[in-house]
Amino acid sequence: MANLATSLSDGTLVFQIQRLAELPSAAVVVEGRYSDLFKLEHVSGAWLADMLARLHVRYPEVSFVFTDSRRFAEDWTYRFLVAALAEAPYKLE
């Protein structure tokens, strides 16, 4: 969650989302609950939530997924990649 806050604050995430939006399928997986945004000490949770909402509206083709743990993040990511590969316009052989 701290990494998310930092990358939102310094603009790194905005740049990366712009690049991800160019792909046929893209997502940002966050290891933590959405409510954890509001528990951070050094940055306003409301500001972080506003920034995420703006990014999601500006780049609707990039999904933001919050997971409870690394295990769930890995599971979701695996399933997303399998589905994206199945839908890819070309197949890698």
N, C-alpha and C. Protein backbone atom coordinates (compact mmCIF):
# COMPACT_ATOMS: atom_id res chain seq x y z
N MET A 1 0.83 -1.19 0.00
CA MET A 1 0.00 0.00 0.00
C MET A 1 0.87 1.25 0.00
N ALA A 2 1.98 1.19 0.72
CA ALA A 2 2.89 2.35 0.74
C ALA A 2 3.45 2.61 -0.65
N ASN A 3 3.74 1.55 -1.40
CA ASN A 3 4.25 1.69 -2.76
C ASN A 3 3.21 2.36 -3.65
N LEU A 4 1.95 1.97 -3.49
CA LEU A 4 0.87 2.59 -4.26
C LEU A 4 0.78 4.08 -3.94
N ALA A 5 0.83 4.41 -2.67
CA ALA A 5 0.75 5.82 -2.26
C ALA A 5 1.91 6.61 -2.83
N THR A 6 3.10 6.06 -2.77
CA THR A 6 4.28 6.76 -3.30
C THR A 6 4.18 6.95 -4.80
N SER A 7 3.80 5.91 -5.53
CA SER A 7 3.74 6.01 -6.99
C SER A 7 2.60 6.93 -7.45
N LEU A 8 1.54 7.02 -6.67
CA LEU A 8 0.49 8.00 -6.98
C LEU A 8 0.98 9.41 -6.71
N SER A 9 1.69 9.58 -5.60
CA SER A 9 2.15 10.91 -5.19
C SER A 9 3.20 11.49 -6.12
N ASP A 10 4.12 10.66 -6.59
CA ASP A 10 5.22 11.19 -7.42
C ASP A 10 4.93 11.11 -8.92
N GLY A 11 3.76 10.62 -9.30
CA GLY A 11 3.37 10.59 -10.72
C GLY A 11 3.82 9.36 -11.47
N THR A 12 4.58 8.48 -10.83
CA THR A 12 5.06 7.28 -11.50
C THR A 12 3.91 6.41 -12.00
N LEU A 13 2.88 6.25 -11.17
CA LEU A 13 1.77 5.39 -11.56
C LEU A 13 1.01 5.95 -12.75
N VAL A 14 0.87 7.26 -12.81
CA VAL A 14 0.17 7.89 -13.95
C VAL A 14 0.88 7.53 -15.25
N PHE A 15 2.19 7.66 -15.25
CA PHE A 15 2.98 7.32 -16.44
C PHE A 15 2.80 5.85 -16.81
N GLN A 16 2.86 4.97 -15.82
CA GLN A 16 2.73 3.53 -16.09
C GLN A 16 1.31 3.18 -16.58
N ILE A 17 0.30 3.83 -16.05
CA ILE A 17 -1.07 3.57 -16.50
C ILE A 17 -1.24 4.01 -17.95
N GLN A 18 -0.64 5.12 -18.32
CA GLN A 18 -0.69 5.56 -19.71
C GLN A 18 -0.12 4.48 -20.62
N ARG A 19 0.98 3.89 -20.21
CA ARG A 19 1.60 2.82 -21.02
C ARG A 19 0.74 1.57 -21.02
N LEU A 20 0.18 1.19 -19.86
CA LEU A 20 -0.68 0.01 -19.79
C LEU A 20 -1.93 0.15 -20.64
N ALA A 21 -2.44 1.37 -20.75
CA ALA A 21 -3.66 1.61 -21.53
C ALA A 21 -3.48 1.29 -23.01
N GLU A 22 -2.25 1.23 -23.46
CA GLU A 22 -1.98 0.91 -24.86
C GLU A 22 -2.07 -0.59 -25.15
N LEU A 23 -2.12 -1.40 -24.11
CA LEU A 23 -2.18 -2.86 -24.27
C LEU A 23 -3.62 -3.33 -24.44
N PRO A 24 -3.81 -4.50 -25.06
CA PRO A 24 -5.18 -5.01 -25.23
C PRO A 24 -5.87 -5.32 -23.90
N SER A 25 -5.11 -5.77 -22.90
CA SER A 25 -5.65 -6.09 -21.58
C SER A 25 -4.62 -5.66 -20.55
N ALA A 26 -5.09 -4.98 -19.49
CA ALA A 26 -4.15 -4.52 -18.47
C ALA A 26 -4.87 -4.35 -17.14
N ALA A 27 -4.12 -4.55 -16.07
CA ALA A 27 -4.66 -4.37 -14.73
C ALA A 27 -3.54 -4.01 -13.77
N VAL A 28 -3.91 -3.32 -12.72
CA VAL A 28 -3.01 -3.03 -11.61
C VAL A 28 -3.57 -3.79 -10.41
N VAL A 29 -2.76 -4.69 -9.87
CA VAL A 29 -3.18 -5.50 -8.73
C VAL A 29 -2.49 -4.96 -7.48
N VAL A 30 -3.29 -4.62 -6.49
CA VAL A 30 -2.79 -4.04 -5.25
C VAL A 30 -2.95 -5.07 -4.13
N GLU A 31 -1.85 -5.35 -3.46
CA GLU A 31 -1.90 -6.27 -2.32
C GLU A 31 -2.36 -5.50 -1.10
N GLY A 32 -3.64 -5.45 -0.88
CA GLY A 32 -4.23 -4.74 0.24
C GLY A 32 -5.67 -4.39 -0.07
N ARG A 33 -6.38 -4.05 0.96
CA ARG A 33 -7.78 -3.67 0.81
C ARG A 33 -7.89 -2.19 0.47
N TYR A 34 -8.94 -1.85 -0.23
CA TYR A 34 -9.19 -0.45 -0.58
C TYR A 34 -9.25 0.39 0.69
N SER A 35 -9.85 -0.12 1.72
CA SER A 35 -9.98 0.64 2.97
C SER A 35 -8.63 0.95 3.60
N ASP A 36 -7.59 0.17 3.25
CA ASP A 36 -6.25 0.42 3.78
C ASP A 36 -5.67 1.75 3.29
N LEU A 37 -6.20 2.26 2.18
CA LEU A 37 -5.75 3.57 1.69
C LEU A 37 -5.96 4.65 2.75
N PHE A 38 -7.02 4.51 3.51
CA PHE A 38 -7.40 5.54 4.47
C PHE A 38 -6.70 5.38 5.82
N LYS A 39 -5.84 4.38 5.92
CA LYS A 39 -5.11 4.13 7.18
C LYS A 39 -3.66 4.58 7.10
N LEU A 40 -3.21 5.05 5.95
CA LEU A 40 -1.83 5.47 5.81
C LEU A 40 -1.60 6.76 6.59
N GLU A 41 -0.41 6.91 7.14
CA GLU A 41 -0.13 8.04 8.02
C GLU A 41 0.33 9.31 7.31
N HIS A 42 1.12 9.19 6.27
CA HIS A 42 1.79 10.36 5.71
C HIS A 42 1.11 10.97 4.49
N VAL A 43 -0.04 10.43 4.12
CA VAL A 43 -0.76 10.96 2.96
C VAL A 43 -2.25 10.77 3.19
N SER A 44 -3.03 11.68 2.67
CA SER A 44 -4.48 11.62 2.83
C SER A 44 -5.08 10.47 2.03
N GLY A 45 -5.82 9.61 2.70
CA GLY A 45 -6.49 8.51 2.01
C GLY A 45 -7.52 9.01 1.02
N ALA A 46 -8.19 10.12 1.36
CA ALA A 46 -9.17 10.69 0.45
C ALA A 46 -8.51 11.16 -0.83
N TRP A 47 -7.32 11.76 -0.71
CA TRP A 47 -6.59 12.21 -1.90
C TRP A 47 -6.18 11.02 -2.76
N LEU A 48 -5.69 9.96 -2.13
CA LEU A 48 -5.31 8.75 -2.88
C LEU A 48 -6.51 8.16 -3.59
N ALA A 49 -7.64 8.09 -2.90
CA ALA A 49 -8.86 7.55 -3.51
C ALA A 49 -9.30 8.41 -4.69
N ASP A 50 -9.21 9.73 -4.54
CA ASP A 50 -9.55 10.63 -5.65
C ASP A 50 -8.65 10.40 -6.84
N MET A 51 -7.35 10.25 -6.59
CA MET A 51 -6.40 10.03 -7.68
C MET A 51 -6.69 8.71 -8.40
N LEU A 52 -6.97 7.66 -7.65
CA LEU A 52 -7.31 6.37 -8.27
C LEU A 52 -8.58 6.48 -9.10
N ALA A 53 -9.57 7.19 -8.57
CA ALA A 53 -10.82 7.36 -9.32
C ALA A 53 -10.57 8.11 -10.62
N ARG A 54 -9.76 9.14 -10.56
CA ARG A 54 -9.44 9.91 -11.78
C ARG A 54 -8.72 9.05 -12.81
N LEU A 55 -7.78 8.26 -12.32
CA LEU A 55 -7.06 7.37 -13.25
C LEU A 55 -8.00 6.36 -13.88
N HIS A 56 -8.91 5.83 -13.08
CA HIS A 56 -9.84 4.83 -13.61
C HIS A 56 -10.79 5.43 -14.64
N VAL A 57 -11.21 6.67 -14.41
CA VAL A 57 -12.08 7.35 -15.38
C VAL A 57 -11.31 7.69 -16.65
N ARG A 58 -10.08 8.17 -16.49
CA ARG A 58 -9.26 8.55 -17.63
C ARG A 58 -8.82 7.34 -18.45
N TYR A 59 -8.57 6.23 -17.78
CA TYR A 59 -8.07 5.01 -18.45
C TYR A 59 -8.95 3.83 -18.05
N PRO A 60 -10.20 3.78 -18.53
CA PRO A 60 -11.11 2.71 -18.13
C PRO A 60 -10.67 1.32 -18.60
N GLU A 61 -9.76 1.27 -19.55
CA GLU A 61 -9.30 -0.02 -20.05
C GLU A 61 -8.31 -0.70 -19.10
N VAL A 62 -7.88 0.01 -18.07
CA VAL A 62 -6.97 -0.56 -17.07
C VAL A 62 -7.75 -0.77 -15.78
N SER A 63 -7.85 -2.02 -15.36
CA SER A 63 -8.57 -2.35 -14.13
C SER A 63 -7.67 -2.18 -12.92
N PHE A 64 -8.27 -1.78 -11.81
CA PHE A 64 -7.60 -1.74 -10.51
C PHE A 64 -8.26 -2.80 -9.65
N VAL A 65 -7.44 -3.71 -9.12
CA VAL A 65 -7.97 -4.80 -8.31
C VAL A 65 -7.25 -4.80 -6.96
N PHE A 66 -8.03 -4.73 -5.89
CA PHE A 66 -7.47 -4.80 -4.54
C PHE A 66 -7.68 -6.20 -4.02
N THR A 67 -6.63 -6.78 -3.44
CA THR A 67 -6.71 -8.13 -2.92
C THR A 67 -6.31 -8.13 -1.44
N ASP A 68 -6.76 -9.12 -0.72
CA ASP A 68 -6.49 -9.19 0.72
C ASP A 68 -5.08 -9.63 1.06
N SER A 69 -4.43 -10.32 0.13
CA SER A 69 -3.11 -10.87 0.45
C SER A 69 -2.33 -11.12 -0.84
N ARG A 70 -1.05 -11.42 -0.67
CA ARG A 70 -0.21 -11.77 -1.81
C ARG A 70 -0.75 -13.01 -2.51
N ARG A 71 -1.21 -13.97 -1.74
CA ARG A 71 -1.76 -15.19 -2.33
C ARG A 71 -2.92 -14.89 -3.26
N PHE A 72 -3.85 -14.04 -2.82
CA PHE A 72 -4.98 -13.69 -3.66
C PHE A 72 -4.55 -12.83 -4.85
N ALA A 73 -3.55 -11.98 -4.65
CA ALA A 73 -3.03 -11.18 -5.75
C ALA A 73 -2.42 -12.08 -6.82
N GLU A 74 -1.65 -13.06 -6.40
CA GLU A 74 -1.05 -14.00 -7.36
C GLU A 74 -2.11 -14.81 -8.07
N ASP A 75 -3.11 -15.27 -7.33
CA ASP A 75 -4.19 -16.06 -7.93
C ASP A 75 -4.95 -15.23 -8.96
N TRP A 76 -5.31 -14.00 -8.60
CA TRP A 76 -6.06 -13.16 -9.53
C TRP A 76 -5.21 -12.87 -10.78
N THR A 77 -3.95 -12.56 -10.56
CA THR A 77 -3.06 -12.24 -11.68
C THR A 77 -2.92 -13.43 -12.62
N TYR A 78 -2.75 -14.61 -12.07
CA TYR A 78 -2.65 -15.82 -12.89
C TYR A 78 -3.91 -15.98 -13.73
N ARG A 79 -5.07 -15.87 -13.11
CA ARG A 79 -6.33 -16.05 -13.85
C ARG A 79 -6.52 -14.97 -14.92
N PHE A 80 -6.13 -13.75 -14.60
CA PHE A 80 -6.22 -12.65 -15.56
C PHE A 80 -5.33 -12.93 -16.77
N LEU A 81 -4.09 -13.36 -16.52
CA LEU A 81 -3.17 -13.62 -17.63
C LEU A 81 -3.63 -14.79 -18.49
N VAL A 82 -4.18 -15.82 -17.88
CA VAL A 82 -4.71 -16.95 -18.64
C VAL A 82 -5.86 -16.49 -19.53
N ALA A 83 -6.77 -15.69 -18.96
CA ALA A 83 -7.90 -15.19 -19.75
C ALA A 83 -7.44 -14.26 -20.86
N ALA A 84 -6.48 -13.40 -20.56
CA ALA A 84 -5.96 -12.47 -21.58
C ALA A 84 -5.29 -13.22 -22.71
N LEU A 85 -4.54 -14.25 -22.38
CA LEU A 85 -3.89 -15.05 -23.42
C LEU A 85 -4.92 -15.76 -24.30
N ALA A 86 -5.98 -16.27 -23.68
CA ALA A 86 -7.03 -16.95 -24.43
C ALA A 86 -7.74 -16.01 -25.39
N GLU A 87 -7.83 -14.74 -25.04
CA GLU A 87 -8.51 -13.74 -25.87
C GLU A 87 -7.58 -12.99 -26.82
N ALA A 88 -6.30 -13.27 -26.73
CA ALA A 88 -5.32 -12.55 -27.55
C ALA A 88 -5.61 -12.76 -29.04
N PRO A 89 -5.43 -11.70 -29.83
CA PRO A 89 -5.69 -11.80 -31.26
C PRO A 89 -4.68 -12.70 -31.99
N TYR A 90 -3.60 -13.00 -31.35
CA TYR A 90 -2.59 -13.91 -31.92
C TYR A 90 -2.11 -14.82 -30.82
N LYS A 91 -1.64 -15.96 -31.18
CA LYS A 91 -1.18 -16.93 -30.20
C LYS A 91 0.33 -17.09 -30.29
N LEU A 92 0.96 -17.14 -29.15
CA LEU A 92 2.40 -17.41 -29.10
C LEU A 92 2.61 -18.91 -29.18
N GLU A 93 3.56 -19.32 -29.98
CA GLU A 93 3.82 -20.77 -30.09
C GLU A 93 5.26 -21.06 -29.77
